PDB file of N, CA and C in Angstrom:
ATOM      1  N   UNK A   1     -39.550  41.472  59.904  1.00  0.00           N
ATOM      2  CA  UNK A   1     -40.049  42.593  59.132  1.00  0.00           C
ATOM      3  C   UNK A   1     -40.255  42.191  57.681  1.00  0.00           C
ATOM      4  N   UNK A   2     -39.389  41.345  57.177  1.00  0.00           N
ATOM      5  CA  UNK A   2     -39.491  40.945  55.785  1.00  0.00           C
ATOM      6  C   UNK A   2     -40.720  40.100  55.530  1.00  0.00           C
ATOM      7  N   UNK A   3     -41.119  39.285  56.481  1.00  0.00           N
ATOM      8  CA  UNK A   3     -42.215  38.355  56.259  1.00  0.00           C
ATOM      9  C   UNK A   3     -43.556  38.756  56.827  1.00  0.00           C
ATOM     10  N   UNK A   4     -43.690  39.933  57.372  1.00  0.00           N
ATOM     11  CA  UNK A   4     -44.957  40.298  57.996  1.00  0.00           C
ATOM     12  C   UNK A   4     -45.903  40.983  57.015  1.00  0.00           C
ATOM     13  N   UNK A   5     -47.163  40.798  57.252  1.00  0.00           N
ATOM     14  CA  UNK A   5     -48.195  41.526  56.511  1.00  0.00           C
ATOM     15  C   UNK A   5     -49.004  42.410  57.469  1.00  0.00           C
ATOM     16  N   UNK A   6     -48.597  42.417  58.715  1.00  0.00           N
ATOM     17  CA  UNK A   6     -49.290  43.190  59.742  1.00  0.00           C
ATOM     18  C   UNK A   6     -48.704  44.605  59.805  1.00  0.00           C
ATOM     19  N   UNK A   7     -49.532  45.592  59.563  1.00  0.00           N
ATOM     20  CA  UNK A   7     -49.063  46.970  59.588  1.00  0.00           C
ATOM     21  C   UNK A   7     -48.573  47.396  60.973  1.00  0.00           C
ATOM     22  N   UNK A   8     -49.306  47.096  62.065  1.00  0.00           N
ATOM     23  CA  UNK A   8     -48.793  47.489  63.389  1.00  0.00           C
ATOM     24  C   UNK A   8     -47.452  46.832  63.732  1.00  0.00           C
ATOM     25  N   UNK A   9     -47.292  45.560  63.354  1.00  0.00           N
ATOM     26  CA  UNK A   9     -46.024  44.898  63.630  1.00  0.00           C
ATOM     27  C   UNK A   9     -44.899  45.521  62.819  1.00  0.00           C
ATOM     28  N   UNK A  10     -45.168  45.820  61.562  1.00  0.00           N
ATOM     29  CA  UNK A  10     -44.151  46.452  60.712  1.00  0.00           C
ATOM     30  C   UNK A  10     -43.758  47.817  61.269  1.00  0.00           C
ATOM     31  N   UNK A  11     -44.725  48.601  61.694  1.00  0.00           N
ATOM     32  CA  UNK A  11     -44.416  49.919  62.258  1.00  0.00           C
ATOM     33  C   UNK A  11     -43.622  49.807  63.552  1.00  0.00           C
ATOM     34  N   UNK A  12     -43.982  48.829  64.383  1.00  0.00           N
ATOM     35  CA  UNK A  12     -43.241  48.631  65.628  1.00  0.00           C
ATOM     36  C   UNK A  12     -41.797  48.228  65.340  1.00  0.00           C
ATOM     37  N   UNK A  13     -41.605  47.367  64.358  1.00  0.00           N
ATOM     38  CA  UNK A  13     -40.252  46.942  63.993  1.00  0.00           C
ATOM     39  C   UNK A  13     -39.447  48.113  63.430  1.00  0.00           C
ATOM     40  N   UNK A  14     -40.082  48.931  62.584  1.00  0.00           N
ATOM     41  CA  UNK A  14     -39.384  50.040  61.936  1.00  0.00           C
ATOM     42  C   UNK A  14     -39.040  51.149  62.928  1.00  0.00           C
ATOM     43  N   UNK A  15     -39.953  51.455  63.839  1.00  0.00           N
ATOM     44  CA  UNK A  15     -39.761  52.616  64.708  1.00  0.00           C
ATOM     45  C   UNK A  15     -39.274  52.285  66.110  1.00  0.00           C
ATOM     46  N   UNK A  16     -39.217  50.993  66.486  1.00  0.00           N
ATOM     47  CA  UNK A  16     -38.752  50.640  67.826  1.00  0.00           C
ATOM     48  C   UNK A  16     -37.539  49.703  67.755  1.00  0.00           C
ATOM     49  N   UNK A  17     -37.730  48.543  67.170  1.00  0.00           N
ATOM     50  CA  UNK A  17     -36.689  47.523  67.202  1.00  0.00           C
ATOM     51  C   UNK A  17     -35.484  47.916  66.342  1.00  0.00           C
ATOM     52  N   UNK A  18     -35.716  48.314  65.110  1.00  0.00           N
ATOM     53  CA  UNK A  18     -34.618  48.632  64.200  1.00  0.00           C
ATOM     54  C   UNK A  18     -33.775  49.816  64.682  1.00  0.00           C
ATOM     55  N   UNK A  19     -34.378  50.911  65.156  1.00  0.00           N
ATOM     56  CA  UNK A  19     -33.536  51.998  65.682  1.00  0.00           C
ATOM     57  C   UNK A  19     -32.720  51.596  66.912  1.00  0.00           C
ATOM     58  N   UNK A  20     -33.296  50.763  67.776  1.00  0.00           N
ATOM     59  CA  UNK A  20     -32.533  50.301  68.937  1.00  0.00           C
ATOM     60  C   UNK A  20     -31.339  49.465  68.505  1.00  0.00           C
ATOM     61  N   UNK A  21     -31.566  48.546  67.591  1.00  0.00           N
ATOM     62  CA  UNK A  21     -30.470  47.701  67.109  1.00  0.00           C
ATOM     63  C   UNK A  21     -29.416  48.539  66.396  1.00  0.00           C
ATOM     64  N   UNK A  22     -29.835  49.496  65.607  1.00  0.00           N
ATOM     65  CA  UNK A  22     -28.885  50.348  64.889  1.00  0.00           C
ATOM     66  C   UNK A  22     -28.091  51.230  65.840  1.00  0.00           C
ATOM     67  N   UNK A  23     -28.719  51.675  66.897  1.00  0.00           N
ATOM     68  CA  UNK A  23     -28.029  52.572  67.830  1.00  0.00           C
ATOM     69  C   UNK A  23     -26.931  51.862  68.615  1.00  0.00           C
ATOM     70  N   UNK A  24     -26.960  50.555  68.665  1.00  0.00           N
ATOM     71  CA  UNK A  24     -25.928  49.821  69.402  1.00  0.00           C
ATOM     72  C   UNK A  24     -24.690  49.559  68.560  1.00  0.00           C
ATOM     73  N   UNK A  25     -24.772  49.697  67.256  1.00  0.00           N
ATOM     74  CA  UNK A  25     -23.674  49.324  66.365  1.00  0.00           C
ATOM     75  C   UNK A  25     -22.384  50.077  66.610  1.00  0.00           C
ATOM     76  N   UNK A  26     -22.381  51.369  66.417  1.00  0.00           N
ATOM     77  CA  UNK A  26     -21.152  52.162  66.540  1.00  0.00           C
ATOM     78  C   UNK A  26     -20.618  52.195  67.974  1.00  0.00           C
ATOM     79  N   UNK A  27     -21.445  52.399  68.999  1.00  0.00           N
ATOM     80  CA  UNK A  27     -20.883  52.400  70.358  1.00  0.00           C
ATOM     81  C   UNK A  27     -20.262  51.063  70.757  1.00  0.00           C
ATOM     82  N   UNK A  28     -20.886  49.971  70.356  1.00  0.00           N
ATOM     83  CA  UNK A  28     -20.331  48.663  70.700  1.00  0.00           C
ATOM     84  C   UNK A  28     -18.987  48.460  70.010  1.00  0.00           C
ATOM     85  N   UNK A  29     -18.904  48.837  68.747  1.00  0.00           N
ATOM     86  CA  UNK A  29     -17.638  48.704  68.028  1.00  0.00           C
ATOM     87  C   UNK A  29     -16.563  49.608  68.632  1.00  0.00           C
ATOM     88  N   UNK A  30     -16.932  50.817  69.005  1.00  0.00           N
ATOM     89  CA  UNK A  30     -15.973  51.748  69.599  1.00  0.00           C
ATOM     90  C   UNK A  30     -15.451  51.220  70.934  1.00  0.00           C
ATOM     91  N   UNK A  31     -16.343  50.703  71.752  1.00  0.00           N
ATOM     92  CA  UNK A  31     -15.934  50.143  73.041  1.00  0.00           C
ATOM     93  C   UNK A  31     -15.060  48.912  72.830  1.00  0.00           C
ATOM     94  N   UNK A  32     -15.433  48.076  71.855  1.00  0.00           N
ATOM     95  CA  UNK A  32     -14.644  46.875  71.580  1.00  0.00           C
ATOM     96  C   UNK A  32     -13.236  47.242  71.125  1.00  0.00           C
ATOM     97  N   UNK A  33     -13.118  48.235  70.263  1.00  0.00           N
ATOM     98  CA  UNK A  33     -11.790  48.657  69.811  1.00  0.00           C
ATOM     99  C   UNK A  33     -10.983  49.202  70.983  1.00  0.00           C
ATOM    100  N   UNK A  34     -11.638  49.961  71.848  1.00  0.00           N
ATOM    101  CA  UNK A  34     -10.940  50.548  72.992  1.00  0.00           C
ATOM    102  C   UNK A  34     -10.458  49.470  73.965  1.00  0.00           C
ATOM    103  N   UNK A  35     -11.288  48.463  74.200  1.00  0.00           N
ATOM    104  CA  UNK A  35     -10.933  47.435  75.178  1.00  0.00           C
ATOM    105  C   UNK A  35     -10.025  46.348  74.628  1.00  0.00           C
ATOM    106  N   UNK A  36     -10.146  46.039  73.339  1.00  0.00           N
ATOM    107  CA  UNK A  36      -9.449  44.880  72.796  1.00  0.00           C
ATOM    108  C   UNK A  36      -8.166  45.203  72.045  1.00  0.00           C
ATOM    109  N   UNK A  37      -7.786  46.476  71.992  1.00  0.00           N
ATOM    110  CA  UNK A  37      -6.544  46.834  71.317  1.00  0.00           C
ATOM    111  C   UNK A  37      -5.572  47.435  72.320  1.00  0.00           C
ATOM    112  N   UNK A  38      -4.311  47.318  71.990  1.00  0.00           N
ATOM    113  CA  UNK A  38      -3.289  47.939  72.855  1.00  0.00           C
ATOM    114  C   UNK A  38      -3.219  49.429  72.524  1.00  0.00           C
ATOM    115  N   UNK A  39      -2.560  50.165  73.366  1.00  0.00           N
ATOM    116  CA  UNK A  39      -2.429  51.608  73.150  1.00  0.00           C
ATOM    117  C   UNK A  39      -1.720  51.921  71.834  1.00  0.00           C
ATOM    118  N   UNK A  40      -0.739  51.104  71.483  1.00  0.00           N
ATOM    119  CA  UNK A  40       0.019  51.352  70.254  1.00  0.00           C
ATOM    120  C   UNK A  40      -0.825  51.104  69.005  1.00  0.00           C
ATOM    121  N   UNK A  41      -1.777  50.169  69.069  1.00  0.00           N
ATOM    122  CA  UNK A  41      -2.587  49.820  67.898  1.00  0.00           C
ATOM    123  C   UNK A  41      -3.925  50.559  67.837  1.00  0.00           C
ATOM    124  N   UNK A  42      -4.261  51.277  68.867  1.00  0.00           N
ATOM    125  CA  UNK A  42      -5.600  51.879  68.946  1.00  0.00           C
ATOM    126  C   UNK A  42      -5.860  52.887  67.826  1.00  0.00           C
ATOM    127  N   UNK A  43      -4.889  53.713  67.506  1.00  0.00           N
ATOM    128  CA  UNK A  43      -5.074  54.720  66.456  1.00  0.00           C
ATOM    129  C   UNK A  43      -5.328  54.065  65.108  1.00  0.00           C
ATOM    130  N   UNK A  44      -4.561  53.049  64.790  1.00  0.00           N
ATOM    131  CA  UNK A  44      -4.746  52.331  63.526  1.00  0.00           C
ATOM    132  C   UNK A  44      -6.109  51.625  63.519  1.00  0.00           C
ATOM    133  N   UNK A  45      -6.476  51.047  64.646  1.00  0.00           N
ATOM    134  CA  UNK A  45      -7.759  50.341  64.728  1.00  0.00           C
ATOM    135  C   UNK A  45      -8.936  51.284  64.514  1.00  0.00           C
ATOM    136  N   UNK A  46      -8.900  52.454  65.128  1.00  0.00           N
ATOM    137  CA  UNK A  46      -9.972  53.426  64.912  1.00  0.00           C
ATOM    138  C   UNK A  46      -9.985  53.904  63.463  1.00  0.00           C
ATOM    139  N   UNK A  47      -8.805  54.060  62.865  1.00  0.00           N
ATOM    140  CA  UNK A  47      -8.731  54.459  61.468  1.00  0.00           C
ATOM    141  C   UNK A  47      -9.352  53.420  60.541  1.00  0.00           C
ATOM    142  N   UNK A  48      -9.067  52.145  60.804  1.00  0.00           N
ATOM    143  CA  UNK A  48      -9.658  51.067  59.997  1.00  0.00           C
ATOM    144  C   UNK A  48     -11.168  51.026  60.189  1.00  0.00           C
ATOM    145  N   UNK A  49     -11.621  51.175  61.430  1.00  0.00           N
ATOM    146  CA  UNK A  49     -13.056  51.197  61.721  1.00  0.00           C
ATOM    147  C   UNK A  49     -13.736  52.345  60.978  1.00  0.00           C
ATOM    148  N   UNK A  50     -13.153  53.513  61.022  1.00  0.00           N
ATOM    149  CA  UNK A  50     -13.730  54.685  60.359  1.00  0.00           C
ATOM    150  C   UNK A  50     -13.736  54.497  58.840  1.00  0.00           C
ATOM    151  N   UNK A  51     -12.660  53.940  58.302  1.00  0.00           N
ATOM    152  CA  UNK A  51     -12.599  53.688  56.858  1.00  0.00           C
ATOM    153  C   UNK A  51     -13.671  52.684  56.431  1.00  0.00           C
ATOM    154  N   UNK A  52     -13.863  51.642  57.217  1.00  0.00           N
ATOM    155  CA  UNK A  52     -14.885  50.643  56.884  1.00  0.00           C
ATOM    156  C   UNK A  52     -16.288  51.240  56.942  1.00  0.00           C
ATOM    157  N   UNK A  53     -16.514  52.131  57.887  1.00  0.00           N
ATOM    158  CA  UNK A  53     -17.825  52.801  57.949  1.00  0.00           C
ATOM    159  C   UNK A  53     -18.045  53.653  56.697  1.00  0.00           C
ATOM    160  N   UNK A  54     -17.011  54.330  56.227  1.00  0.00           N
ATOM    161  CA  UNK A  54     -17.136  55.139  55.017  1.00  0.00           C
ATOM    162  C   UNK A  54     -17.339  54.275  53.775  1.00  0.00           C
ATOM    163  N   UNK A  55     -16.638  53.169  53.685  1.00  0.00           N
ATOM    164  CA  UNK A  55     -16.819  52.257  52.551  1.00  0.00           C
ATOM    165  C   UNK A  55     -18.230  51.681  52.565  1.00  0.00           C
ATOM    166  N   UNK A  56     -18.730  51.322  53.737  1.00  0.00           N
ATOM    167  CA  UNK A  56     -20.089  50.795  53.844  1.00  0.00           C
ATOM    168  C   UNK A  56     -21.119  51.842  53.416  1.00  0.00           C
ATOM    169  N   UNK A  57     -20.925  53.072  53.834  1.00  0.00           N
ATOM    170  CA  UNK A  57     -21.850  54.136  53.441  1.00  0.00           C
ATOM    171  C   UNK A  57     -21.801  54.384  51.936  1.00  0.00           C
ATOM    172  N   UNK A  58     -20.618  54.282  51.355  1.00  0.00           N
ATOM    173  CA  UNK A  58     -20.466  54.497  49.925  1.00  0.00           C
ATOM    174  C   UNK A  58     -21.108  53.381  49.111  1.00  0.00           C
ATOM    175  N   UNK A  59     -20.914  52.154  49.523  1.00  0.00           N
ATOM    176  CA  UNK A  59     -21.404  51.023  48.728  1.00  0.00           C
ATOM    177  C   UNK A  59     -22.860  50.661  48.992  1.00  0.00           C
ATOM    178  N   UNK A  60     -23.413  51.080  50.113  1.00  0.00           N
ATOM    179  CA  UNK A  60     -24.785  50.671  50.435  1.00  0.00           C
ATOM    180  C   UNK A  60     -25.807  51.190  49.425  1.00  0.00           C
ATOM    181  N   UNK A  61     -25.639  52.398  48.969  1.00  0.00           N
ATOM    182  CA  UNK A  61     -26.574  52.943  47.982  1.00  0.00           C
ATOM    183  C   UNK A  61     -26.550  52.156  46.688  1.00  0.00           C
ATOM    184  N   UNK A  62     -25.344  51.796  46.236  1.00  0.00           N
ATOM    185  CA  UNK A  62     -25.229  50.997  45.015  1.00  0.00           C
ATOM    186  C   UNK A  62     -25.827  49.605  45.199  1.00  0.00           C
ATOM    187  N   UNK A  63     -25.613  49.016  46.367  1.00  0.00           N
ATOM    188  CA  UNK A  63     -26.158  47.681  46.633  1.00  0.00           C
ATOM    189  C   UNK A  63     -27.684  47.711  46.661  1.00  0.00           C
ATOM    190  N   UNK A  64     -28.249  48.724  47.300  1.00  0.00           N
ATOM    191  CA  UNK A  64     -29.710  48.832  47.358  1.00  0.00           C
ATOM    192  C   UNK A  64     -30.280  49.066  45.974  1.00  0.00           C
ATOM    193  N   UNK A  65     -29.672  49.967  45.210  1.00  0.00           N
ATOM    194  CA  UNK A  65     -30.142  50.202  43.841  1.00  0.00           C
ATOM    195  C   UNK A  65     -30.009  48.947  42.986  1.00  0.00           C
ATOM    196  N   UNK A  66     -28.925  48.218  43.152  1.00  0.00           N
ATOM    197  CA  UNK A  66     -28.728  46.991  42.396  1.00  0.00           C
ATOM    198  C   UNK A  66     -29.791  45.954  42.693  1.00  0.00           C
ATOM    199  N   UNK A  67     -30.133  45.794  43.966  1.00  0.00           N
ATOM    200  CA  UNK A  67     -31.178  44.840  44.328  1.00  0.00           C
ATOM    201  C   UNK A  67     -32.544  45.291  43.821  1.00  0.00           C
ATOM    202  N   UNK A  68     -32.840  46.572  43.953  1.00  0.00           N
ATOM    203  CA  UNK A  68     -34.146  47.069  43.520  1.00  0.00           C
ATOM    204  C   UNK A  68     -34.305  47.003  42.003  1.00  0.00           C
ATOM    205  N   UNK A  69     -33.242  47.330  41.260  1.00  0.00           N
ATOM    206  CA  UNK A  69     -33.325  47.300  39.799  1.00  0.00           C
ATOM    207  C   UNK A  69     -33.155  45.889  39.247  1.00  0.00           C
ATOM    208  N   UNK A  70     -32.353  45.077  39.900  1.00  0.00           N
ATOM    209  CA  UNK A  70     -32.113  43.721  39.432  1.00  0.00           C
ATOM    210  C   UNK A  70     -33.235  42.753  39.737  1.00  0.00           C
ATOM    211  N   UNK A  71     -33.972  43.030  40.788  1.00  0.00           N
ATOM    212  CA  UNK A  71     -35.082  42.166  41.179  1.00  0.00           C
ATOM    213  C   UNK A  71     -36.360  42.991  41.331  1.00  0.00           C
ATOM    214  N   UNK A  72     -36.893  43.549  40.230  1.00  0.00           N
ATOM    215  CA  UNK A  72     -38.078  44.406  40.360  1.00  0.00           C
ATOM    216  C   UNK A  72     -39.317  43.666  40.867  1.00  0.00           C
ATOM    217  N   UNK A  73     -39.341  42.350  40.666  1.00  0.00           N
ATOM    218  CA  UNK A  73     -40.464  41.559  41.163  1.00  0.00           C
ATOM    219  C   UNK A  73     -40.150  40.845  42.451  1.00  0.00           C
ATOM    220  N   UNK A  74     -39.072  41.215  43.090  1.00  0.00           N
ATOM    221  CA  UNK A  74     -38.681  40.549  44.326  1.00  0.00           C
ATOM    222  C   UNK A  74     -38.096  39.180  44.048  1.00  0.00           C
ATOM    223  N   UNK A  75     -38.164  38.297  45.037  1.00  0.00           N
ATOM    224  CA  UNK A  75     -37.642  36.942  44.873  1.00  0.00           C
ATOM    225  C   UNK A  75     -38.661  35.989  44.263  1.00  0.00           C
ATOM    226  N   UNK A  76     -39.903  36.408  44.178  1.00  0.00           N
ATOM    227  CA  UNK A  76     -40.931  35.559  43.567  1.00  0.00           C
ATOM    228  C   UNK A  76     -41.780  36.417  42.622  1.00  0.00           C
ATOM    229  N   UNK A  77     -41.229  36.757  41.441  1.00  0.00           N
ATOM    230  CA  UNK A  77     -41.943  37.655  40.523  1.00  0.00           C
ATOM    231  C   UNK A  77     -43.207  37.043  39.923  1.00  0.00           C
ATOM    232  N   UNK A  78     -43.311  35.712  39.908  1.00  0.00           N
ATOM    233  CA  UNK A  78     -44.489  35.076  39.327  1.00  0.00           C
ATOM    234  C   UNK A  78     -45.652  34.988  40.303  1.00  0.00           C
ATOM    235  N   UNK A  79     -45.377  35.246  41.571  1.00  0.00           N
ATOM    236  CA  UNK A  79     -46.416  35.181  42.597  1.00  0.00           C
ATOM    237  C   UNK A  79     -46.499  36.524  43.319  1.00  0.00           C
ATOM    238  N   UNK A  80     -47.315  37.472  42.791  1.00  0.00           N
ATOM    239  CA  UNK A  80     -47.377  38.801  43.417  1.00  0.00           C
ATOM    240  C   UNK A  80     -47.947  38.794  44.832  1.00  0.00           C
ATOM    241  N   UNK A  81     -48.600  37.706  45.230  1.00  0.00           N
ATOM    242  CA  UNK A  81     -49.147  37.626  46.587  1.00  0.00           C
ATOM    243  C   UNK A  81     -48.100  37.169  47.594  1.00  0.00           C
ATOM    244  N   UNK A  82     -46.925  36.766  47.106  1.00  0.00           N
ATOM    245  CA  UNK A  82     -45.873  36.293  47.994  1.00  0.00           C
ATOM    246  C   UNK A  82     -45.337  37.432  48.854  1.00  0.00           C
ATOM    247  N   UNK A  83     -44.874  37.068  50.020  1.00  0.00           N
ATOM    248  CA  UNK A  83     -44.311  38.056  50.946  1.00  0.00           C
ATOM    249  C   UNK A  83     -43.049  38.687  50.364  1.00  0.00           C
ATOM    250  N   UNK A  84     -42.268  37.915  49.618  1.00  0.00           N
ATOM    251  CA  UNK A  84     -41.005  38.414  49.070  1.00  0.00           C
ATOM    252  C   UNK A  84     -41.136  38.885  47.631  1.00  0.00           C
ATOM    253  N   UNK A  85     -42.322  39.335  47.241  1.00  0.00           N
ATOM    254  CA  UNK A  85     -42.529  39.825  45.877  1.00  0.00           C
ATOM    255  C   UNK A  85     -42.177  41.297  45.736  1.00  0.00           C
ATOM    256  N   UNK A  86     -41.664  41.917  46.776  1.00  0.00           N
ATOM    257  CA  UNK A  86     -41.303  43.331  46.746  1.00  0.00           C
ATOM    258  C   UNK A  86     -39.782  43.480  46.783  1.00  0.00           C
ATOM    259  N   UNK A  87     -39.227  44.330  45.937  1.00  0.00           N
ATOM    260  CA  UNK A  87     -37.771  44.518  45.992  1.00  0.00           C
ATOM    261  C   UNK A  87     -37.312  45.163  47.301  1.00  0.00           C
ATOM    262  N   UNK A  88     -38.166  45.935  47.929  1.00  0.00           N
ATOM    263  CA  UNK A  88     -37.805  46.543  49.218  1.00  0.00           C
ATOM    264  C   UNK A  88     -37.633  45.467  50.285  1.00  0.00           C
ATOM    265  N   UNK A  89     -38.501  44.460  50.253  1.00  0.00           N
ATOM    266  CA  UNK A  89     -38.363  43.359  51.224  1.00  0.00           C
ATOM    267  C   UNK A  89     -37.092  42.562  50.966  1.00  0.00           C
ATOM    268  N   UNK A  90     -36.683  42.466  49.715  1.00  0.00           N
ATOM    269  CA  UNK A  90     -35.424  41.789  49.394  1.00  0.00           C
ATOM    270  C   UNK A  90     -34.253  42.577  49.973  1.00  0.00           C
ATOM    271  N   UNK A  91     -34.318  43.894  49.911  1.00  0.00           N
ATOM    272  CA  UNK A  91     -33.266  44.733  50.508  1.00  0.00           C
ATOM    273  C   UNK A  91     -33.208  44.502  52.008  1.00  0.00           C
ATOM    274  N   UNK A  92     -34.362  44.474  52.664  1.00  0.00           N
ATOM    275  CA  UNK A  92     -34.394  44.236  54.113  1.00  0.00           C
ATOM    276  C   UNK A  92     -33.861  42.844  54.430  1.00  0.00           C
ATOM    277  N   UNK A  93     -34.241  41.854  53.625  1.00  0.00           N
ATOM    278  CA  UNK A  93     -33.746  40.495  53.832  1.00  0.00           C
ATOM    279  C   UNK A  93     -32.233  40.429  53.641  1.00  0.00           C
ATOM    280  N   UNK A  94     -31.700  41.203  52.719  1.00  0.00           N
ATOM    281  CA  UNK A  94     -30.249  41.210  52.516  1.00  0.00           C
ATOM    282  C   UNK A  94     -29.520  41.754  53.745  1.00  0.00           C
ATOM    283  N   UNK A  95     -30.149  42.679  54.473  1.00  0.00           N
ATOM    284  CA  UNK A  95     -29.520  43.177  55.695  1.00  0.00           C
ATOM    285  C   UNK A  95     -29.473  42.099  56.772  1.00  0.00           C
ATOM    286  N   UNK A  96     -30.462  41.214  56.760  1.00  0.00           N
ATOM    287  CA  UNK A  96     -30.442  40.090  57.706  1.00  0.00           C
ATOM    288  C   UNK A  96     -29.251  39.197  57.402  1.00  0.00           C
ATOM    289  N   UNK A  97     -29.065  38.874  56.121  1.00  0.00           N
ATOM    290  CA  UNK A  97     -27.948  38.006  55.745  1.00  0.00           C
ATOM    291  C   UNK A  97     -26.603  38.666  56.050  1.00  0.00           C
ATOM    292  N   UNK A  98     -26.475  39.952  55.803  1.00  0.00           N
ATOM    293  CA  UNK A  98     -25.206  40.620  56.092  1.00  0.00           C
ATOM    294  C   UNK A  98     -24.951  40.699  57.598  1.00  0.00           C
ATOM    295  N   UNK A  99     -26.004  40.853  58.393  1.00  0.00           N
ATOM    296  CA  UNK A  99     -25.836  40.873  59.852  1.00  0.00           C
ATOM    297  C   UNK A  99     -25.400  39.509  60.373  1.00  0.00           C
ATOM    298  N   UNK A 100     -25.969  38.446  59.823  1.00  0.00           N
ATOM    299  CA  UNK A 100     -25.563  37.094  60.222  1.00  0.00           C
ATOM    300  C   UNK A 100     -24.109  36.847  59.828  1.00  0.00           C
ATOM    301  N   UNK A 101     -23.728  37.297  58.638  1.00  0.00           N
ATOM    302  CA  UNK A 101     -22.333  37.145  58.208  1.00  0.00           C
ATOM    303  C   UNK A 101     -21.396  37.912  59.133  1.00  0.00           C
ATOM    304  N   UNK A 102     -21.777  39.129  59.528  1.00  0.00           N
ATOM    305  CA  UNK A 102     -20.951  39.916  60.448  1.00  0.00           C
ATOM    306  C   UNK A 102     -20.844  39.234  61.807  1.00  0.00           C
ATOM    307  N   UNK A 103     -21.936  38.631  62.258  1.00  0.00           N
ATOM    308  CA  UNK A 103     -21.909  37.904  63.539  1.00  0.00           C
ATOM    309  C   UNK A 103     -20.952  36.717  63.464  1.00  0.00           C
ATOM    310  N   UNK A 104     -20.994  35.991  62.358  1.00  0.00           N
ATOM    311  CA  UNK A 104     -20.098  34.833  62.213  1.00  0.00           C
ATOM    312  C   UNK A 104     -18.632  35.269  62.175  1.00  0.00           C
ATOM    313  N   UNK A 105     -18.359  36.376  61.511  1.00  0.00           N
ATOM    314  CA  UNK A 105     -16.985  36.892  61.490  1.00  0.00           C
ATOM    315  C   UNK A 105     -16.571  37.324  62.900  1.00  0.00           C
ATOM    316  N   UNK A 106     -17.473  37.999  63.613  1.00  0.00           N
ATOM    317  CA  UNK A 106     -17.153  38.443  64.974  1.00  0.00           C
ATOM    318  C   UNK A 106     -16.906  37.258  65.898  1.00  0.00           C
ATOM    319  N   UNK A 107     -17.688  36.202  65.753  1.00  0.00           N
ATOM    320  CA  UNK A 107     -17.479  35.029  66.591  1.00  0.00           C
ATOM    321  C   UNK A 107     -16.175  34.325  66.252  1.00  0.00           C
ATOM    322  N   UNK A 108     -15.751  34.422  65.020  1.00  0.00           N
ATOM    323  CA  UNK A 108     -14.498  33.806  64.596  1.00  0.00           C
ATOM    324  C   UNK A 108     -13.307  34.455  65.305  1.00  0.00           C
ATOM    325  N   UNK A 109     -13.377  35.757  65.517  1.00  0.00           N
ATOM    326  CA  UNK A 109     -12.267  36.487  66.128  1.00  0.00           C
ATOM    327  C   UNK A 109     -12.454  36.739  67.609  1.00  0.00           C
ATOM    328  N   UNK A 110     -13.333  36.019  68.226  1.00  0.00           N
ATOM    329  CA  UNK A 110     -13.641  36.221  69.633  1.00  0.00           C
ATOM    330  C   UNK A 110     -12.519  35.820  70.506  1.00  0.00           C
TER     331      UNK A 110
END
């Protein structure tokens, strides 16, 4: 999505792929907590999961504003024809990096 200039591809990614990927997040985490924790730890685990979701919701707005205001010309401000010359694309690219980081952390605790 970050590197495309095709409007149909961007719309397909925004309205099909991204909602599907987002819809798997909370149910997968909930099932993982249910299956991978003991009965005694389950309440604490759900509490930590819920707290992390609230912290993420609280900080995401500040992070997006910081990227948009800090990089008004995107990652290549001298080349307006560049794919990454938009601060919105930088925000989307940052979600890719955070997802990869989350995957690496999840694989570490597998």
